[in-house]
C-alpha cells in the first residue's frame, strides 16, 4: 500500500482495518491495526534485554528501557526538570 493512500486516509477519516473483537476500533493503517490486535491476543513480542519484561509495541519497550538507562530526553524549558516519557512531561507542563 502506498504511503500516499495511507496519508489521504488521515484526512478522509477512512478506517478500513476494523477489529473483529468486541472493542470495535478501526484503523487507517495496517501496522496500527496489528499493534492494536496484540492487546486482544496478549502477544508481547518486544522484550527488555535487562529484565525480560515484554511489551506490545516497540514504543513501550523504548520508554521502558529508559528506566534502566536513566535517559530523560524531555526537558521543561521553564524549570529544566527532565522526564523519561512525553506524557509525564506534558502533564508537568500544565503547572507552568
N, C-alpha and C. Protein backbone atom coordinates (compact mmCIF):
# COMPACT_ATOMS: atom_id res chain seq x y z
N UNK A 1 0.85 -1.18 0.00
CA UNK A 1 0.00 0.00 0.00
C UNK A 1 0.89 1.24 0.00
N UNK A 2 0.49 2.19 -0.79
CA UNK A 2 1.34 3.37 -0.91
C UNK A 2 1.19 4.29 0.30
N UNK A 3 2.25 5.01 0.56
CA UNK A 3 2.24 5.98 1.65
C UNK A 3 1.22 7.07 1.40
N UNK A 4 1.02 7.43 0.14
CA UNK A 4 0.06 8.49 -0.20
C UNK A 4 -1.36 8.06 0.17
N UNK A 5 -1.72 6.83 -0.12
CA UNK A 5 -3.05 6.33 0.23
C UNK A 5 -3.25 6.38 1.74
N UNK A 6 -2.25 5.92 2.47
CA UNK A 6 -2.34 5.95 3.93
C UNK A 6 -2.46 7.38 4.44
N UNK A 7 -1.72 8.29 3.83
CA UNK A 7 -1.77 9.69 4.24
C UNK A 7 -3.15 10.29 3.96
N UNK A 8 -3.69 10.01 2.80
CA UNK A 8 -5.01 10.55 2.44
C UNK A 8 -6.07 10.08 3.43
N UNK A 9 -5.94 8.85 3.91
CA UNK A 9 -6.90 8.32 4.89
C UNK A 9 -6.91 9.14 6.18
N UNK A 10 -5.80 9.74 6.52
CA UNK A 10 -5.76 10.59 7.70
C UNK A 10 -6.71 11.77 7.54
N UNK A 11 -6.86 12.26 6.31
CA UNK A 11 -7.71 13.41 6.03
C UNK A 11 -9.17 13.01 5.80
N UNK A 12 -9.38 11.85 5.19
CA UNK A 12 -10.75 11.43 4.87
C UNK A 12 -11.43 10.74 6.04
N UNK A 13 -10.65 10.24 6.98
CA UNK A 13 -11.22 9.52 8.10
C UNK A 13 -11.52 8.06 7.79
N UNK A 14 -11.18 7.61 6.60
CA UNK A 14 -11.41 6.22 6.23
C UNK A 14 -10.55 5.30 7.09
N UNK A 15 -11.20 4.30 7.68
CA UNK A 15 -10.51 3.35 8.54
C UNK A 15 -10.91 1.93 8.14
N UNK A 16 -10.26 1.39 7.12
CA UNK A 16 -10.67 0.08 6.59
C UNK A 16 -10.24 -1.12 7.43
N UNK A 17 -9.38 -0.94 8.40
CA UNK A 17 -8.90 -2.06 9.20
C UNK A 17 -9.65 -2.08 10.52
N UNK A 18 -10.68 -2.94 10.59
CA UNK A 18 -11.54 -2.99 11.76
C UNK A 18 -11.22 -4.19 12.64
N UNK A 19 -11.25 -3.95 13.93
CA UNK A 19 -11.01 -5.02 14.90
C UNK A 19 -12.25 -5.91 14.98
N UNK A 20 -12.04 -7.20 14.89
CA UNK A 20 -13.15 -8.15 14.95
C UNK A 20 -13.57 -8.48 16.38
N UNK A 21 -12.80 -8.00 17.33
CA UNK A 21 -13.13 -8.23 18.73
C UNK A 21 -14.25 -7.27 19.14
N UNK A 22 -14.67 -7.33 20.37
CA UNK A 22 -15.80 -6.53 20.85
C UNK A 22 -15.51 -5.04 20.96
N UNK A 23 -14.27 -4.64 20.85
CA UNK A 23 -13.93 -3.23 21.07
C UNK A 23 -14.39 -2.32 19.93
N UNK A 24 -14.49 -2.86 18.70
CA UNK A 24 -14.98 -2.08 17.58
C UNK A 24 -14.06 -1.00 17.05
N UNK A 25 -12.81 -1.00 17.44
CA UNK A 25 -11.89 0.03 16.95
C UNK A 25 -11.52 -0.23 15.50
N UNK A 26 -11.22 0.87 14.79
CA UNK A 26 -10.81 0.77 13.39
C UNK A 26 -9.60 1.66 13.17
N UNK A 27 -8.82 1.32 12.14
CA UNK A 27 -7.54 1.98 11.91
C UNK A 27 -7.34 2.32 10.44
N UNK A 28 -6.56 3.37 10.20
CA UNK A 28 -6.25 3.79 8.84
C UNK A 28 -5.10 2.98 8.25
N UNK A 29 -4.24 2.46 9.10
CA UNK A 29 -3.04 1.77 8.63
C UNK A 29 -2.98 0.35 9.20
N UNK A 30 -2.52 -0.60 8.38
CA UNK A 30 -2.45 -1.99 8.85
C UNK A 30 -1.49 -2.18 10.03
N UNK A 31 -0.42 -1.42 10.08
CA UNK A 31 0.53 -1.56 11.18
C UNK A 31 -0.11 -1.17 12.51
N UNK A 32 -0.94 -0.14 12.50
CA UNK A 32 -1.62 0.27 13.73
C UNK A 32 -2.64 -0.78 14.16
N UNK A 33 -3.30 -1.39 13.18
CA UNK A 33 -4.24 -2.46 13.48
C UNK A 33 -3.52 -3.66 14.09
N UNK A 34 -2.39 -4.03 13.52
CA UNK A 34 -1.61 -5.16 14.04
C UNK A 34 -1.18 -4.89 15.48
N UNK A 35 -0.70 -3.70 15.72
CA UNK A 35 -0.28 -3.34 17.08
C UNK A 35 -1.46 -3.44 18.04
N UNK A 36 -2.62 -2.93 17.65
CA UNK A 36 -3.81 -3.00 18.49
C UNK A 36 -4.24 -4.45 18.74
N UNK A 37 -4.19 -5.28 17.72
CA UNK A 37 -4.67 -6.66 17.86
C UNK A 37 -3.90 -7.43 18.93
N UNK A 38 -2.69 -7.01 19.20
CA UNK A 38 -1.90 -7.69 20.24
C UNK A 38 -2.51 -7.52 21.63
N UNK A 39 -3.30 -6.50 21.82
CA UNK A 39 -3.98 -6.31 23.11
C UNK A 39 -4.93 -7.48 23.36
N UNK A 40 -5.63 -7.91 22.32
CA UNK A 40 -6.60 -8.99 22.46
C UNK A 40 -5.93 -10.36 22.53
N UNK A 41 -4.83 -10.54 21.82
CA UNK A 41 -4.14 -11.83 21.83
C UNK A 41 -3.14 -11.94 22.97
N UNK A 42 -2.87 -10.81 23.61
CA UNK A 42 -1.87 -10.71 24.68
C UNK A 42 -0.47 -11.07 24.20
N UNK A 43 -0.26 -10.97 22.89
CA UNK A 43 1.07 -11.19 22.32
C UNK A 43 1.96 -9.99 22.67
N UNK A 44 3.10 -10.27 23.25
CA UNK A 44 4.06 -9.22 23.61
C UNK A 44 5.43 -9.60 23.06
N UNK A 45 5.67 -9.30 21.79
CA UNK A 45 6.89 -9.78 21.13
C UNK A 45 8.14 -8.96 21.40
N UNK A 46 8.01 -7.84 22.09
CA UNK A 46 9.17 -6.97 22.31
C UNK A 46 9.60 -7.08 23.77
N UNK A 47 10.79 -7.67 23.99
CA UNK A 47 11.23 -7.99 25.35
C UNK A 47 12.46 -7.18 25.75
N UNK A 48 12.44 -6.71 26.99
CA UNK A 48 13.57 -5.98 27.56
C UNK A 48 14.74 -6.93 27.75
N UNK A 49 15.91 -6.53 27.29
CA UNK A 49 17.10 -7.36 27.42
C UNK A 49 17.69 -7.31 28.82
N UNK A 50 17.21 -6.38 29.64
CA UNK A 50 17.72 -6.25 31.01
C UNK A 50 16.89 -7.07 31.99
N UNK A 51 15.57 -6.88 31.97
CA UNK A 51 14.72 -7.53 32.98
C UNK A 51 13.71 -8.52 32.39
N UNK A 52 13.70 -8.68 31.07
CA UNK A 52 12.84 -9.62 30.36
C UNK A 52 11.36 -9.27 30.37
N UNK A 53 10.99 -8.06 30.80
CA UNK A 53 9.60 -7.63 30.72
C UNK A 53 9.25 -7.48 29.24
N UNK A 54 8.03 -7.88 28.88
CA UNK A 54 7.62 -7.87 27.48
C UNK A 54 6.55 -6.81 27.22
N UNK A 55 6.50 -6.35 25.95
CA UNK A 55 5.61 -5.25 25.57
C UNK A 55 4.93 -5.54 24.24
N UNK A 56 3.78 -4.87 24.03
CA UNK A 56 3.01 -5.00 22.80
C UNK A 56 3.68 -4.33 21.61
N UNK A 57 4.41 -3.22 21.87
CA UNK A 57 4.99 -2.46 20.76
C UNK A 57 6.37 -1.93 21.12
N UNK A 58 7.10 -1.52 20.12
CA UNK A 58 8.47 -1.04 20.33
C UNK A 58 8.50 0.27 21.09
N UNK A 59 7.49 1.12 20.91
CA UNK A 59 7.45 2.39 21.62
C UNK A 59 7.45 2.16 23.13
N UNK A 60 6.63 1.24 23.59
CA UNK A 60 6.56 0.93 25.02
C UNK A 60 7.88 0.36 25.52
N UNK A 61 8.53 -0.46 24.70
CA UNK A 61 9.83 -1.01 25.09
C UNK A 61 10.88 0.09 25.21
N UNK A 62 10.91 0.99 24.24
CA UNK A 62 11.88 2.10 24.29
C UNK A 62 11.65 2.95 25.53
N UNK A 63 10.39 3.25 25.81
CA UNK A 63 10.06 4.04 27.01
C UNK A 63 10.50 3.30 28.27
N UNK A 64 10.26 1.99 28.32
CA UNK A 64 10.66 1.18 29.46
C UNK A 64 12.18 1.15 29.63
N UNK A 65 12.90 1.02 28.54
CA UNK A 65 14.37 0.93 28.61
C UNK A 65 14.97 2.16 29.30
N UNK A 66 14.29 3.28 29.20
CA UNK A 66 14.77 4.49 29.87
C UNK A 66 14.80 4.34 31.39
N UNK A 67 13.99 3.43 31.94
CA UNK A 67 14.04 3.20 33.39
C UNK A 67 15.37 2.55 33.78
N UNK A 68 15.96 1.81 32.85
CA UNK A 68 17.25 1.18 33.12
C UNK A 68 18.42 2.12 32.82
N UNK A 69 18.28 2.92 31.78
CA UNK A 69 19.39 3.79 31.36
C UNK A 69 19.40 5.13 32.08
N UNK A 70 18.22 5.54 32.58
CA UNK A 70 18.12 6.86 33.21
C UNK A 70 18.01 8.00 32.20
N UNK A 71 17.89 7.67 30.93
CA UNK A 71 17.79 8.69 29.88
C UNK A 71 16.47 9.45 30.00
N UNK A 72 16.55 10.78 30.08
CA UNK A 72 15.37 11.63 30.20
C UNK A 72 15.43 12.71 29.12
N UNK A 73 14.92 12.40 27.93
CA UNK A 73 15.07 13.32 26.79
C UNK A 73 14.11 14.50 26.77
N UNK A 74 13.14 14.54 27.66
CA UNK A 74 12.16 15.62 27.65
C UNK A 74 12.47 16.60 28.78
N UNK A 75 12.81 17.84 28.41
CA UNK A 75 13.21 18.84 29.40
C UNK A 75 12.26 20.03 29.38
N UNK A 76 11.84 20.44 30.57
CA UNK A 76 10.97 21.61 30.72
C UNK A 76 11.81 22.87 30.52
N UNK A 77 11.38 23.72 29.62
CA UNK A 77 12.13 24.96 29.34
C UNK A 77 11.95 25.99 30.45
N UNK A 78 10.96 25.81 31.32
CA UNK A 78 10.73 26.76 32.41
C UNK A 78 11.57 26.45 33.65
N UNK A 79 11.66 25.16 34.01
CA UNK A 79 12.36 24.82 35.25
C UNK A 79 13.51 23.83 35.05
N UNK A 80 13.71 23.37 33.82
CA UNK A 80 14.79 22.45 33.45
C UNK A 80 14.65 21.04 34.03
N UNK A 81 13.49 20.73 34.61
CA UNK A 81 13.25 19.38 35.08
C UNK A 81 13.15 18.46 33.86
N UNK A 82 13.67 17.24 33.98
CA UNK A 82 13.68 16.31 32.85
C UNK A 82 12.78 15.11 33.12
N UNK A 83 12.32 14.50 32.03
CA UNK A 83 11.38 13.38 32.11
C UNK A 83 11.76 12.30 31.11
N UNK A 84 11.48 11.06 31.48
CA UNK A 84 11.82 9.94 30.60
C UNK A 84 10.75 9.68 29.55
N UNK A 85 9.53 10.19 29.77
CA UNK A 85 8.49 9.98 28.77
C UNK A 85 7.70 11.26 28.52
N UNK A 86 7.18 11.37 27.32
CA UNK A 86 6.49 12.57 26.88
C UNK A 86 5.22 12.84 27.68
N UNK A 87 4.48 11.81 28.06
CA UNK A 87 3.23 12.03 28.78
C UNK A 87 3.47 12.65 30.15
N UNK A 88 4.50 12.23 30.85
CA UNK A 88 4.84 12.85 32.14
C UNK A 88 5.28 14.29 31.94
N UNK A 89 6.03 14.52 30.88
CA UNK A 89 6.48 15.87 30.57
C UNK A 89 5.29 16.79 30.29
N UNK A 90 4.36 16.33 29.47
CA UNK A 90 3.19 17.15 29.15
C UNK A 90 2.33 17.41 30.38
N UNK A 91 2.20 16.42 31.24
CA UNK A 91 1.45 16.61 32.50
C UNK A 91 2.14 17.67 33.35
N UNK A 92 3.45 17.63 33.43
CA UNK A 92 4.22 18.62 34.19
C UNK A 92 4.04 20.02 33.62
N UNK A 93 4.03 20.13 32.30
CA UNK A 93 3.92 21.45 31.64
C UNK A 93 2.65 22.19 32.05
N UNK A 94 1.63 21.47 32.47
CA UNK A 94 0.37 22.10 32.87
C UNK A 94 0.51 22.97 34.12
N UNK A 95 1.56 22.74 34.91
CA UNK A 95 1.72 23.54 36.13
C UNK A 95 2.36 24.89 35.86
N UNK A 96 2.92 25.09 34.69
CA UNK A 96 3.58 26.37 34.36
C UNK A 96 2.63 27.30 33.65
